[in-house]
Amino acid sequence: MSTTQRIALIFTIIGAINWGLIGFFQFNLVAAIFGDNTILSRIIYGLVGIAGLINLGLLFKPNEEVEHSPEARTTK
């Protein structure tokens, strides 16, 4: 996983936590920290959205553990 993907994953997790707080407690952490509908909060929302798009690529990336490897064949 590249550094860009790791940073994107961090932003995606922050967004998921924020959505969880909104859904369960009606508390918007980003708005509480940076203000409601300020330029800074809009930048954070934008970064989380871009991070989600970057992480979308992880969905289609082949798993390194499941890659085709030569299987041991037994002979009789």
N, C-alpha and C. Protein backbone atom coordinates (compact mmCIF):
# COMPACT_ATOMS: atom_id res chain seq x y z
N MET A 1 0.85 -1.16 0.00
CA MET A 1 0.00 0.00 0.00
C MET A 1 0.90 1.23 0.00
N SER A 2 0.63 2.14 -0.90
CA SER A 2 1.47 3.33 -1.02
C SER A 2 1.15 4.34 0.08
N THR A 3 2.02 5.32 0.21
CA THR A 3 1.83 6.36 1.22
C THR A 3 0.55 7.14 0.94
N THR A 4 0.28 7.43 -0.32
CA THR A 4 -0.93 8.15 -0.69
C THR A 4 -2.17 7.37 -0.28
N GLN A 5 -2.16 6.07 -0.49
CA GLN A 5 -3.30 5.25 -0.10
C GLN A 5 -3.46 5.19 1.41
N ARG A 6 -2.36 5.18 2.13
CA ARG A 6 -2.43 5.16 3.60
C ARG A 6 -3.02 6.47 4.12
N ILE A 7 -2.59 7.59 3.56
CA ILE A 7 -3.14 8.90 3.96
C ILE A 7 -4.62 8.96 3.61
N ALA A 8 -4.97 8.47 2.42
CA ALA A 8 -6.37 8.45 2.01
C ALA A 8 -7.19 7.57 2.94
N LEU A 9 -6.62 6.46 3.37
CA LEU A 9 -7.32 5.57 4.29
C LEU A 9 -7.57 6.26 5.63
N ILE A 10 -6.61 7.04 6.10
CA ILE A 10 -6.78 7.78 7.35
C ILE A 10 -7.93 8.77 7.22
N PHE A 11 -7.98 9.52 6.11
CA PHE A 11 -9.07 10.47 5.89
C PHE A 11 -10.41 9.76 5.76
N THR A 12 -10.42 8.60 5.14
CA THR A 12 -11.65 7.84 5.01
C THR A 12 -12.15 7.37 6.37
N ILE A 13 -11.23 6.94 7.22
CA ILE A 13 -11.61 6.52 8.57
C ILE A 13 -12.14 7.71 9.37
N ILE A 14 -11.51 8.87 9.23
CA ILE A 14 -12.01 10.07 9.91
C ILE A 14 -13.43 10.38 9.44
N GLY A 15 -13.67 10.28 8.15
CA GLY A 15 -15.01 10.51 7.61
C GLY A 15 -16.01 9.51 8.13
N ALA A 16 -15.60 8.25 8.22
CA ALA A 16 -16.51 7.21 8.72
C ALA A 16 -16.85 7.45 10.19
N ILE A 17 -15.87 7.85 10.97
CA ILE A 17 -16.13 8.15 12.39
C ILE A 17 -17.09 9.33 12.50
N ASN A 18 -16.87 10.35 11.68
CA ASN A 18 -17.75 11.52 11.71
C ASN A 18 -19.18 11.13 11.33
N TRP A 19 -19.34 10.31 10.29
CA TRP A 19 -20.68 9.87 9.90
C TRP A 19 -21.32 9.01 10.99
N GLY A 20 -20.53 8.20 11.66
CA GLY A 20 -21.06 7.42 12.78
C GLY A 20 -21.55 8.31 13.91
N LEU A 21 -20.79 9.34 14.22
CA LEU A 21 -21.21 10.28 15.26
C LEU A 21 -22.48 11.02 14.86
N ILE A 22 -22.58 11.39 13.58
CA ILE A 22 -23.79 12.05 13.10
C ILE A 22 -24.98 11.11 13.20
N GLY A 23 -24.79 9.87 12.76
CA GLY A 23 -25.89 8.91 12.75
C GLY A 23 -26.37 8.51 14.13
N PHE A 24 -25.44 8.28 15.06
CA PHE A 24 -25.82 7.81 16.37
C PHE A 24 -26.15 8.92 17.37
N PHE A 25 -25.42 10.03 17.27
CA PHE A 25 -25.56 11.07 18.30
C PHE A 25 -25.94 12.44 17.76
N GLN A 26 -26.16 12.56 16.46
CA GLN A 26 -26.45 13.84 15.82
C GLN A 26 -25.40 14.89 16.18
N PHE A 27 -24.13 14.44 16.17
CA PHE A 27 -23.00 15.32 16.50
C PHE A 27 -22.01 15.30 15.34
N ASN A 28 -21.80 16.45 14.73
CA ASN A 28 -20.86 16.57 13.62
C ASN A 28 -19.53 17.07 14.16
N LEU A 29 -18.56 16.16 14.24
CA LEU A 29 -17.26 16.48 14.83
C LEU A 29 -16.51 17.52 14.00
N VAL A 30 -16.57 17.40 12.69
CA VAL A 30 -15.87 18.36 11.82
C VAL A 30 -16.43 19.76 12.02
N ALA A 31 -17.75 19.88 12.05
CA ALA A 31 -18.37 21.19 12.27
C ALA A 31 -18.07 21.72 13.66
N ALA A 32 -17.98 20.82 14.65
CA ALA A 32 -17.68 21.28 16.01
C ALA A 32 -16.26 21.81 16.13
N ILE A 33 -15.33 21.20 15.38
CA ILE A 33 -13.93 21.63 15.47
C ILE A 33 -13.65 22.83 14.57
N PHE A 34 -14.13 22.78 13.32
CA PHE A 34 -13.76 23.80 12.34
C PHE A 34 -14.86 24.80 12.04
N GLY A 35 -16.04 24.62 12.61
CA GLY A 35 -17.14 25.53 12.36
C GLY A 35 -18.08 24.97 11.31
N ASP A 36 -19.32 25.39 11.38
CA ASP A 36 -20.35 24.89 10.47
C ASP A 36 -20.27 25.64 9.14
N ASN A 37 -20.02 24.91 8.07
CA ASN A 37 -19.98 25.44 6.70
C ASN A 37 -18.92 26.53 6.52
N THR A 38 -17.78 26.39 7.17
CA THR A 38 -16.66 27.30 6.95
C THR A 38 -15.80 26.74 5.81
N ILE A 39 -14.90 27.54 5.32
CA ILE A 39 -14.02 27.09 4.23
C ILE A 39 -13.15 25.93 4.70
N LEU A 40 -12.72 25.96 5.95
CA LEU A 40 -11.88 24.89 6.48
C LEU A 40 -12.65 23.57 6.59
N SER A 41 -13.89 23.64 7.05
CA SER A 41 -14.69 22.42 7.13
C SER A 41 -15.00 21.88 5.74
N ARG A 42 -15.21 22.76 4.77
CA ARG A 42 -15.46 22.32 3.39
C ARG A 42 -14.22 21.67 2.80
N ILE A 43 -13.04 22.15 3.16
CA ILE A 43 -11.79 21.52 2.70
C ILE A 43 -11.67 20.12 3.29
N ILE A 44 -11.98 19.98 4.58
CA ILE A 44 -11.93 18.65 5.21
C ILE A 44 -12.90 17.70 4.52
N TYR A 45 -14.13 18.15 4.28
CA TYR A 45 -15.11 17.30 3.60
C TYR A 45 -14.62 16.93 2.20
N GLY A 46 -14.01 17.88 1.52
CA GLY A 46 -13.47 17.60 0.18
C GLY A 46 -12.34 16.58 0.22
N LEU A 47 -11.44 16.71 1.19
CA LEU A 47 -10.35 15.76 1.33
C LEU A 47 -10.87 14.35 1.64
N VAL A 48 -11.89 14.27 2.48
CA VAL A 48 -12.47 12.97 2.80
C VAL A 48 -13.11 12.36 1.55
N GLY A 49 -13.77 13.18 0.75
CA GLY A 49 -14.37 12.69 -0.49
C GLY A 49 -13.33 12.20 -1.49
N ILE A 50 -12.25 12.95 -1.65
CA ILE A 50 -11.16 12.54 -2.54
C ILE A 50 -10.52 11.26 -2.02
N ALA A 51 -10.35 11.17 -0.71
CA ALA A 51 -9.77 9.97 -0.11
C ALA A 51 -10.63 8.75 -0.39
N GLY A 52 -11.94 8.93 -0.33
CA GLY A 52 -12.84 7.82 -0.64
C GLY A 52 -12.68 7.36 -2.08
N LEU A 53 -12.50 8.30 -3.00
CA LEU A 53 -12.29 7.94 -4.40
C LEU A 53 -10.96 7.22 -4.60
N ILE A 54 -9.93 7.65 -3.89
CA ILE A 54 -8.63 6.99 -3.99
C ILE A 54 -8.73 5.56 -3.44
N ASN A 55 -9.44 5.41 -2.33
CA ASN A 55 -9.59 4.08 -1.73
C ASN A 55 -10.49 3.18 -2.54
N LEU A 56 -11.26 3.73 -3.42
CA LEU A 56 -12.09 2.91 -4.31
C LEU A 56 -11.21 1.99 -5.14
N GLY A 57 -10.01 2.43 -5.45
CA GLY A 57 -9.06 1.59 -6.18
C GLY A 57 -8.64 0.36 -5.41
N LEU A 58 -8.63 0.45 -4.07
CA LEU A 58 -8.27 -0.71 -3.25
C LEU A 58 -9.28 -1.84 -3.40
N LEU A 59 -10.50 -1.49 -3.73
CA LEU A 59 -11.55 -2.49 -3.89
C LEU A 59 -11.24 -3.44 -5.04
N PHE A 60 -10.59 -2.93 -6.07
CA PHE A 60 -10.30 -3.72 -7.25
C PHE A 60 -8.87 -4.22 -7.32
N LYS A 61 -8.07 -3.91 -6.31
CA LYS A 61 -6.68 -4.35 -6.27
C LYS A 61 -6.63 -5.81 -5.84
N PRO A 62 -5.89 -6.64 -6.56
CA PRO A 62 -5.83 -8.05 -6.16
C PRO A 62 -5.14 -8.21 -4.82
N ASN A 63 -5.64 -9.13 -4.04
CA ASN A 63 -5.08 -9.41 -2.73
C ASN A 63 -3.78 -10.18 -2.92
N GLU A 64 -2.70 -9.72 -2.28
CA GLU A 64 -1.39 -10.35 -2.46
C GLU A 64 -1.37 -11.78 -1.93
N GLU A 65 -2.18 -12.06 -0.92
CA GLU A 65 -2.21 -13.40 -0.35
C GLU A 65 -2.94 -14.39 -1.25
N VAL A 66 -3.82 -13.88 -2.10
CA VAL A 66 -4.65 -14.76 -2.91
C VAL A 66 -4.13 -14.85 -4.35
N GLU A 67 -3.05 -14.15 -4.65
CA GLU A 67 -2.52 -14.18 -6.01
C GLU A 67 -2.22 -15.60 -6.42
N HIS A 68 -2.26 -15.82 -7.72
CA HIS A 68 -2.02 -17.16 -8.24
C HIS A 68 -0.59 -17.59 -7.94
N SER A 69 -0.47 -18.65 -7.22
CA SER A 69 0.84 -19.19 -6.92
C SER A 69 0.83 -20.65 -7.34
N PRO A 70 1.98 -21.15 -7.76
CA PRO A 70 2.00 -22.55 -8.18
C PRO A 70 1.65 -23.47 -7.03
N GLU A 71 0.68 -24.31 -7.27
CA GLU A 71 0.24 -25.24 -6.23
C GLU A 71 1.10 -26.49 -6.28
N ALA A 72 1.34 -27.03 -5.12
CA ALA A 72 2.13 -28.25 -5.04
C ALA A 72 1.27 -29.41 -5.55
N ARG A 73 1.78 -30.13 -6.51
CA ARG A 73 1.04 -31.27 -7.05
C ARG A 73 1.72 -32.55 -6.59
N THR A 74 0.90 -33.44 -6.17
CA THR A 74 1.44 -34.73 -5.75
C THR A 74 1.37 -35.71 -6.89
N THR A 75 2.38 -36.54 -7.00
CA THR A 75 2.39 -37.55 -8.04
C THR A 75 2.12 -38.91 -7.43
N LYS A 76 1.45 -39.73 -8.17
CA LYS A 76 1.10 -41.06 -7.67
C LYS A 76 2.02 -42.10 -8.25
